[in-house]
PDB file of N, CA and C in Angstrom:
ATOM      1  N   UNK A   1      29.386 113.117 179.785  1.00  0.00           N
ATOM      2  CA  UNK A   1      30.402 112.613 180.687  1.00  0.00           C
ATOM      3  C   UNK A   1      30.021 111.242 181.233  1.00  0.00           C
ATOM      4  N   UNK A   2      28.749 111.055 181.582  1.00  0.00           N
ATOM      5  CA  UNK A   2      28.346 109.772 182.146  1.00  0.00           C
ATOM      6  C   UNK A   2      28.444 108.661 181.104  1.00  0.00           C
ATOM      7  N   UNK A   3      28.243 108.986 179.817  1.00  0.00           N
ATOM      8  CA  UNK A   3      28.379 107.986 178.761  1.00  0.00           C
ATOM      9  C   UNK A   3      29.820 107.479 178.692  1.00  0.00           C
ATOM     10  N   UNK A   4      30.778 108.370 178.883  1.00  0.00           N
ATOM     11  CA  UNK A   4      32.177 107.977 178.861  1.00  0.00           C
ATOM     12  C   UNK A   4      32.506 107.082 180.054  1.00  0.00           C
ATOM     13  N   UNK A   5      31.939 107.401 181.200  1.00  0.00           N
ATOM     14  CA  UNK A   5      32.162 106.596 182.402  1.00  0.00           C
ATOM     15  C   UNK A   5      31.531 105.215 182.230  1.00  0.00           C
ATOM     16  N   UNK A   6      30.338 105.165 181.646  1.00  0.00           N
ATOM     17  CA  UNK A   6      29.673 103.884 181.410  1.00  0.00           C
ATOM     18  C   UNK A   6      30.477 103.020 180.439  1.00  0.00           C
ATOM     19  N   UNK A   7      31.003 103.633 179.394  1.00  0.00           N
ATOM     20  CA  UNK A   7      31.812 102.873 178.444  1.00  0.00           C
ATOM     21  C   UNK A   7      33.106 102.377 179.080  1.00  0.00           C
ATOM     22  N   UNK A   8      33.712 103.203 179.911  1.00  0.00           N
ATOM     23  CA  UNK A   8      34.941 102.790 180.591  1.00  0.00           C
ATOM     24  C   UNK A   8      34.659 101.635 181.550  1.00  0.00           C
ATOM     25  N   UNK A   9      33.557 101.720 182.284  1.00  0.00           N
ATOM     26  CA  UNK A   9      33.189 100.651 183.211  1.00  0.00           C
ATOM     27  C   UNK A   9      32.895  99.359 182.453  1.00  0.00           C
ATOM     28  N   UNK A  10      32.161  99.470 181.351  1.00  0.00           N
ATOM     29  CA  UNK A  10      31.856  98.289 180.547  1.00  0.00           C
ATOM     30  C   UNK A  10      33.133  97.675 179.981  1.00  0.00           C
ATOM     31  N   UNK A  11      34.052  98.498 179.529  1.00  0.00           N
ATOM     32  CA  UNK A  11      35.318  98.000 178.990  1.00  0.00           C
ATOM     33  C   UNK A  11      36.124  97.281 180.071  1.00  0.00           C
ATOM     34  N   UNK A  12      36.144  97.825 181.274  1.00  0.00           N
ATOM     35  CA  UNK A  12      36.865  97.178 182.376  1.00  0.00           C
ATOM     36  C   UNK A  12      36.230  95.840 182.750  1.00  0.00           C
ATOM     37  N   UNK A  13      34.908  95.805 182.808  1.00  0.00           N
ATOM     38  CA  UNK A  13      34.216  94.560 183.150  1.00  0.00           C
ATOM     39  C   UNK A  13      34.452  93.503 182.081  1.00  0.00           C
ATOM     40  N   UNK A  14      34.277  93.891 180.824  1.00  0.00           N
ATOM     41  CA  UNK A  14      34.479  92.941 179.728  1.00  0.00           C
ATOM     42  C   UNK A  14      35.931  92.475 179.683  1.00  0.00           C
ATOM     43  N   UNK A  15      36.857  93.400 179.865  1.00  0.00           N
ATOM     44  CA  UNK A  15      38.269  93.028 179.886  1.00  0.00           C
ATOM     45  C   UNK A  15      38.605  92.070 181.014  1.00  0.00           C
ATOM     46  N   UNK A  16      38.037  92.320 182.191  1.00  0.00           N
ATOM     47  CA  UNK A  16      38.275  91.436 183.329  1.00  0.00           C
ATOM     48  C   UNK A  16      37.697  90.050 183.117  1.00  0.00           C
ATOM     49  N   UNK A  17      36.484  89.993 182.599  1.00  0.00           N
ATOM     50  CA  UNK A  17      35.850  88.699 182.336  1.00  0.00           C
ATOM     51  C   UNK A  17      36.623  87.927 181.274  1.00  0.00           C
ATOM     52  N   UNK A  18      37.017  88.602 180.199  1.00  0.00           N
ATOM     53  CA  UNK A  18      37.787  87.929 179.156  1.00  0.00           C
ATOM     54  C   UNK A  18      39.134  87.428 179.673  1.00  0.00           C
ATOM     55  N   UNK A  19      39.748  88.203 180.546  1.00  0.00           N
ATOM     56  CA  UNK A  19      41.022  87.774 181.133  1.00  0.00           C
ATOM     57  C   UNK A  19      40.833  86.527 181.986  1.00  0.00           C
ATOM     58  N   UNK A  20      39.790  86.516 182.813  1.00  0.00           N
ATOM     59  CA  UNK A  20      39.528  85.349 183.655  1.00  0.00           C
ATOM     60  C   UNK A  20      39.173  84.115 182.831  1.00  0.00           C
ATOM     61  N   UNK A  21      38.342  84.286 181.823  1.00  0.00           N
ATOM     62  CA  UNK A  21      37.964  83.155 180.970  1.00  0.00           C
ATOM     63  C   UNK A  21      39.183  82.643 180.210  1.00  0.00           C
ATOM     64  N   UNK A  22      39.983  83.560 179.685  1.00  0.00           N
ATOM     65  CA  UNK A  22      41.186  83.154 178.969  1.00  0.00           C
ATOM     66  C   UNK A  22      42.172  82.407 179.851  1.00  0.00           C
ATOM     67  N   UNK A  23      42.361  82.900 181.067  1.00  0.00           N
ATOM     68  CA  UNK A  23      43.278  82.232 181.996  1.00  0.00           C
ATOM     69  C   UNK A  23      42.740  80.858 182.391  1.00  0.00           C
ATOM     70  N   UNK A  24      41.434  80.781 182.599  1.00  0.00           N
ATOM     71  CA  UNK A  24      40.826  79.488 182.936  1.00  0.00           C
ATOM     72  C   UNK A  24      40.987  78.480 181.812  1.00  0.00           C
ATOM     73  N   UNK A  25      40.754  78.921 180.577  1.00  0.00           N
ATOM     74  CA  UNK A  25      40.912  78.025 179.429  1.00  0.00           C
ATOM     75  C   UNK A  25      42.367  77.600 179.280  1.00  0.00           C
ATOM     76  N   UNK A  26      43.282  78.546 179.449  1.00  0.00           N
ATOM     77  CA  UNK A  26      44.708  78.227 179.360  1.00  0.00           C
ATOM     78  C   UNK A  26      45.110  77.216 180.434  1.00  0.00           C
ATOM     79  N   UNK A  27      44.675  77.440 181.662  1.00  0.00           N
ATOM     80  CA  UNK A  27      45.017  76.527 182.760  1.00  0.00           C
ATOM     81  C   UNK A  27      44.449  75.135 182.523  1.00  0.00           C
ATOM     82  N   UNK A  28      43.202  75.072 182.036  1.00  0.00           N
ATOM     83  CA  UNK A  28      42.570  73.783 181.778  1.00  0.00           C
ATOM     84  C   UNK A  28      43.322  73.029 180.685  1.00  0.00           C
ATOM     85  N   UNK A  29      43.634  73.725 179.591  1.00  0.00           N
ATOM     86  CA  UNK A  29      44.334  73.066 178.494  1.00  0.00           C
ATOM     87  C   UNK A  29      45.746  72.653 178.897  1.00  0.00           C
ATOM     88  N   UNK A  30      46.416  73.496 179.657  1.00  0.00           N
ATOM     89  CA  UNK A  30      47.766  73.163 180.110  1.00  0.00           C
ATOM     90  C   UNK A  30      47.749  71.924 180.999  1.00  0.00           C
ATOM     91  N   UNK A  31      46.811  71.876 181.951  1.00  0.00           N
ATOM     92  CA  UNK A  31      46.714  70.721 182.841  1.00  0.00           C
ATOM     93  C   UNK A  31      46.350  69.459 182.061  1.00  0.00           C
ATOM     94  N   UNK A  32      45.504  69.611 181.059  1.00  0.00           N
ATOM     95  CA  UNK A  32      45.085  68.460 180.280  1.00  0.00           C
ATOM     96  C   UNK A  32      46.242  67.900 179.456  1.00  0.00           C
ATOM     97  N   UNK A  33      47.038  68.776 178.841  1.00  0.00           N
ATOM     98  CA  UNK A  33      48.152  68.296 178.031  1.00  0.00           C
ATOM     99  C   UNK A  33      49.299  67.763 178.880  1.00  0.00           C
ATOM    100  N   UNK A  34      49.430  68.249 180.102  1.00  0.00           N
ATOM    101  CA  UNK A  34      50.503  67.765 180.980  1.00  0.00           C
ATOM    102  C   UNK A  34      50.137  66.458 181.664  1.00  0.00           C
ATOM    103  N   UNK A  35      48.853  66.153 181.747  1.00  0.00           N
ATOM    104  CA  UNK A  35      48.403  64.931 182.399  1.00  0.00           C
ATOM    105  C   UNK A  35      48.625  63.741 181.479  1.00  0.00           C
ATOM    106  N   UNK A  36      49.164  62.677 182.040  1.00  0.00           N
ATOM    107  CA  UNK A  36      49.368  61.469 181.256  1.00  0.00           C
ATOM    108  C   UNK A  36      48.116  60.602 181.228  1.00  0.00           C
ATOM    109  N   UNK A  37      47.130  60.921 182.057  1.00  0.00           N
ATOM    110  CA  UNK A  37      45.904  60.125 182.134  1.00  0.00           C
ATOM    111  C   UNK A  37      44.909  60.483 181.024  1.00  0.00           C
ATOM    112  N   UNK A  38      45.036  61.674 180.466  1.00  0.00           N
ATOM    113  CA  UNK A  38      44.104  62.120 179.422  1.00  0.00           C
ATOM    114  C   UNK A  38      44.689  61.750 178.062  1.00  0.00           C
ATOM    115  N   UNK A  39      43.924  61.010 177.251  1.00  0.00           N
ATOM    116  CA  UNK A  39      44.429  60.647 175.917  1.00  0.00           C
ATOM    117  C   UNK A  39      44.666  61.888 175.047  1.00  0.00           C
ATOM    118  N   UNK A  40      45.616  61.798 174.160  1.00  0.00           N
ATOM    119  CA  UNK A  40      45.966  62.915 173.279  1.00  0.00           C
ATOM    120  C   UNK A  40      44.779  63.326 172.411  1.00  0.00           C
ATOM    121  N   UNK A  41      43.997  62.371 171.943  1.00  0.00           N
ATOM    122  CA  UNK A  41      42.841  62.680 171.097  1.00  0.00           C
ATOM    123  C   UNK A  41      41.823  63.540 171.849  1.00  0.00           C
ATOM    124  N   UNK A  42      41.625  63.261 173.114  1.00  0.00           N
ATOM    125  CA  UNK A  42      40.690  64.053 173.917  1.00  0.00           C
ATOM    126  C   UNK A  42      41.238  65.462 174.108  1.00  0.00           C
ATOM    127  N   UNK A  43      42.511  65.579 174.367  1.00  0.00           N
ATOM    128  CA  UNK A  43      43.125  66.901 174.533  1.00  0.00           C
ATOM    129  C   UNK A  43      42.985  67.730 173.264  1.00  0.00           C
ATOM    130  N   UNK A  44      43.213  67.125 172.121  1.00  0.00           N
ATOM    131  CA  UNK A  44      43.100  67.837 170.853  1.00  0.00           C
ATOM    132  C   UNK A  44      41.647  68.213 170.582  1.00  0.00           C
ATOM    133  N   UNK A  45      40.712  67.313 170.882  1.00  0.00           N
ATOM    134  CA  UNK A  45      39.294  67.596 170.653  1.00  0.00           C
ATOM    135  C   UNK A  45      38.810  68.745 171.537  1.00  0.00           C
ATOM    136  N   UNK A  46      39.197  68.754 172.786  1.00  0.00           N
ATOM    137  CA  UNK A  46      38.793  69.839 173.688  1.00  0.00           C
ATOM    138  C   UNK A  46      39.406  71.157 173.236  1.00  0.00           C
ATOM    139  N   UNK A  47      40.658  71.122 172.797  1.00  0.00           N
ATOM    140  CA  UNK A  47      41.303  72.323 172.278  1.00  0.00           C
ATOM    141  C   UNK A  47      40.558  72.848 171.053  1.00  0.00           C
ATOM    142  N   UNK A  48      40.150  71.957 170.165  1.00  0.00           N
ATOM    143  CA  UNK A  48      39.404  72.366 168.965  1.00  0.00           C
ATOM    144  C   UNK A  48      38.073  73.007 169.343  1.00  0.00           C
ATOM    145  N   UNK A  49      37.392  72.457 170.336  1.00  0.00           N
ATOM    146  CA  UNK A  49      36.117  73.026 170.780  1.00  0.00           C
ATOM    147  C   UNK A  49      36.331  74.420 171.376  1.00  0.00           C
ATOM    148  N   UNK A  50      37.340  74.583 172.209  1.00  0.00           N
ATOM    149  CA  UNK A  50      37.607  75.882 172.841  1.00  0.00           C
ATOM    150  C   UNK A  50      37.975  76.923 171.789  1.00  0.00           C
ATOM    151  N   UNK A  51      38.851  76.581 170.870  1.00  0.00           N
ATOM    152  CA  UNK A  51      39.260  77.523 169.826  1.00  0.00           C
ATOM    153  C   UNK A  51      38.086  77.834 168.901  1.00  0.00           C
ATOM    154  N   UNK A  52      37.308  76.831 168.531  1.00  0.00           N
ATOM    155  CA  UNK A  52      36.146  77.054 167.686  1.00  0.00           C
ATOM    156  C   UNK A  52      35.117  77.949 168.350  1.00  0.00           C
ATOM    157  N   UNK A  53      34.882  77.740 169.638  1.00  0.00           N
ATOM    158  CA  UNK A  53      33.942  78.583 170.369  1.00  0.00           C
ATOM    159  C   UNK A  53      34.439  80.022 170.430  1.00  0.00           C
ATOM    160  N   UNK A  54      35.724  80.211 170.655  1.00  0.00           N
ATOM    161  CA  UNK A  54      36.290  81.561 170.710  1.00  0.00           C
ATOM    162  C   UNK A  54      36.163  82.267 169.360  1.00  0.00           C
ATOM    163  N   UNK A  55      36.424  81.549 168.279  1.00  0.00           N
ATOM    164  CA  UNK A  55      36.297  82.140 166.949  1.00  0.00           C
ATOM    165  C   UNK A  55      34.848  82.508 166.663  1.00  0.00           C
ATOM    166  N   UNK A  56      33.923  81.612 166.989  1.00  0.00           N
ATOM    167  CA  UNK A  56      32.510  81.881 166.763  1.00  0.00           C
ATOM    168  C   UNK A  56      32.027  83.068 167.585  1.00  0.00           C
ATOM    169  N   UNK A  57      32.440  83.141 168.835  1.00  0.00           N
ATOM    170  CA  UNK A  57      32.059  84.260 169.694  1.00  0.00           C
ATOM    171  C   UNK A  57      32.607  85.577 169.150  1.00  0.00           C
ATOM    172  N   UNK A  58      33.837  85.579 168.696  1.00  0.00           N
ATOM    173  CA  UNK A  58      34.434  86.778 168.111  1.00  0.00           C
ATOM    174  C   UNK A  58      33.693  87.180 166.841  1.00  0.00           C
ATOM    175  N   UNK A  59      33.352  86.220 165.996  1.00  0.00           N
ATOM    176  CA  UNK A  59      32.627  86.506 164.758  1.00  0.00           C
ATOM    177  C   UNK A  59      31.262  87.128 165.059  1.00  0.00           C
ATOM    178  N   UNK A  60      30.550  86.570 166.018  1.00  0.00           N
ATOM    179  CA  UNK A  60      29.226  87.090 166.371  1.00  0.00           C
ATOM    180  C   UNK A  60      29.343  88.511 166.920  1.00  0.00           C
ATOM    181  N   UNK A  61      30.327  88.763 167.756  1.00  0.00           N
ATOM    182  CA  UNK A  61      30.510  90.107 168.316  1.00  0.00           C
ATOM    183  C   UNK A  61      30.823  91.117 167.216  1.00  0.00           C
ATOM    184  N   UNK A  62      31.722  90.783 166.316  1.00  0.00           N
ATOM    185  CA  UNK A  62      32.081  91.694 165.227  1.00  0.00           C
ATOM    186  C   UNK A  62      30.883  91.918 164.312  1.00  0.00           C
ATOM    187  N   UNK A  63      30.147  90.858 163.993  1.00  0.00           N
ATOM    188  CA  UNK A  63      28.972  90.984 163.139  1.00  0.00           C
ATOM    189  C   UNK A  63      27.908  91.861 163.790  1.00  0.00           C
ATOM    190  N   UNK A  64      27.721  91.705 165.083  1.00  0.00           N
ATOM    191  CA  UNK A  64      26.726  92.513 165.802  1.00  0.00           C
ATOM    192  C   UNK A  64      27.136  93.982 165.837  1.00  0.00           C
ATOM    193  N   UNK A  65      28.405  94.256 166.009  1.00  0.00           N
ATOM    194  CA  UNK A  65      28.888  95.643 166.018  1.00  0.00           C
ATOM    195  C   UNK A  65      28.691  96.266 164.639  1.00  0.00           C
ATOM    196  N   UNK A  66      29.012  95.532 163.584  1.00  0.00           N
ATOM    197  CA  UNK A  66      28.812  96.050 162.227  1.00  0.00           C
ATOM    198  C   UNK A  66      27.331  96.303 161.943  1.00  0.00           C
ATOM    199  N   UNK A  67      26.468  95.404 162.388  1.00  0.00           N
ATOM    200  CA  UNK A  67      25.029  95.562 162.149  1.00  0.00           C
ATOM    201  C   UNK A  67      24.466  96.746 162.928  1.00  0.00           C
ATOM    202  N   UNK A  68      24.968  96.985 164.117  1.00  0.00           N
ATOM    203  CA  UNK A  68      24.434  98.081 164.924  1.00  0.00           C
ATOM    204  C   UNK A  68      24.786  99.448 164.328  1.00  0.00           C
ATOM    205  N   UNK A  69      25.853  99.516 163.564  1.00  0.00           N
ATOM    206  CA  UNK A  69      26.243 100.783 162.930  1.00  0.00           C
ATOM    207  C   UNK A  69      25.323 101.143 161.774  1.00  0.00           C
ATOM    208  N   UNK A  70      24.718 100.143 161.146  1.00  0.00           N
ATOM    209  CA  UNK A  70      23.888 100.418 159.981  1.00  0.00           C
ATOM    210  C   UNK A  70      22.386 100.355 160.276  1.00  0.00           C
ATOM    211  N   UNK A  71      21.999 100.093 161.530  1.00  0.00           N
ATOM    212  CA  UNK A  71      20.586 100.031 161.876  1.00  0.00           C
ATOM    213  C   UNK A  71      19.963 101.407 161.836  1.00  0.00           C
ATOM    214  N   UNK A  72      18.760 101.452 161.331  1.00  0.00           N
ATOM    215  CA  UNK A  72      18.038 102.716 161.254  1.00  0.00           C
ATOM    216  C   UNK A  72      16.741 102.591 162.057  1.00  0.00           C
ATOM    217  N   UNK A  73      16.549 103.521 162.980  1.00  0.00           N
ATOM    218  CA  UNK A  73      15.369 103.498 163.831  1.00  0.00           C
ATOM    219  C   UNK A  73      14.459 104.670 163.535  1.00  0.00           C
ATOM    220  N   UNK A  74      14.398 105.103 162.293  1.00  0.00           N
ATOM    221  CA  UNK A  74      13.594 106.257 161.918  1.00  0.00           C
ATOM    222  C   UNK A  74      12.094 105.988 162.057  1.00  0.00           C
ATOM    223  N   UNK A  75      11.654 104.764 161.792  1.00  0.00           N
ATOM    224  CA  UNK A  75      10.239 104.444 161.838  1.00  0.00           C
ATOM    225  C   UNK A  75       9.756 104.014 163.209  1.00  0.00           C
ATOM    226  N   UNK A  76      10.618 103.872 164.157  1.00  0.00           N
ATOM    227  CA  UNK A  76      10.253 103.435 165.498  1.00  0.00           C
ATOM    228  C   UNK A  76       9.720 104.630 166.279  1.00  0.00           C
ATOM    229  N   UNK A  77       8.569 104.442 166.929  1.00  0.00           N
ATOM    230  CA  UNK A  77       7.996 105.533 167.725  1.00  0.00           C
ATOM    231  C   UNK A  77       8.498 105.495 169.143  1.00  0.00           C
TER     232      UNK A  77
END
């Protein structure tokens, strides 16, 4: 039972953090594209960095989950 509670708590924390980070990135990009003071090239470059970082983070998370399923700890004392 406690394992289920721990997983639920972890899911809520991760979901909340991802929501806040996503909203922050959205707000930053929206403000940057609406501002006439920021050049278009800078806005596009920052967008590329944010999207690239998100893709890389997702890839690492998926790869780590796949690797953890196939790990064998038979020889570990």
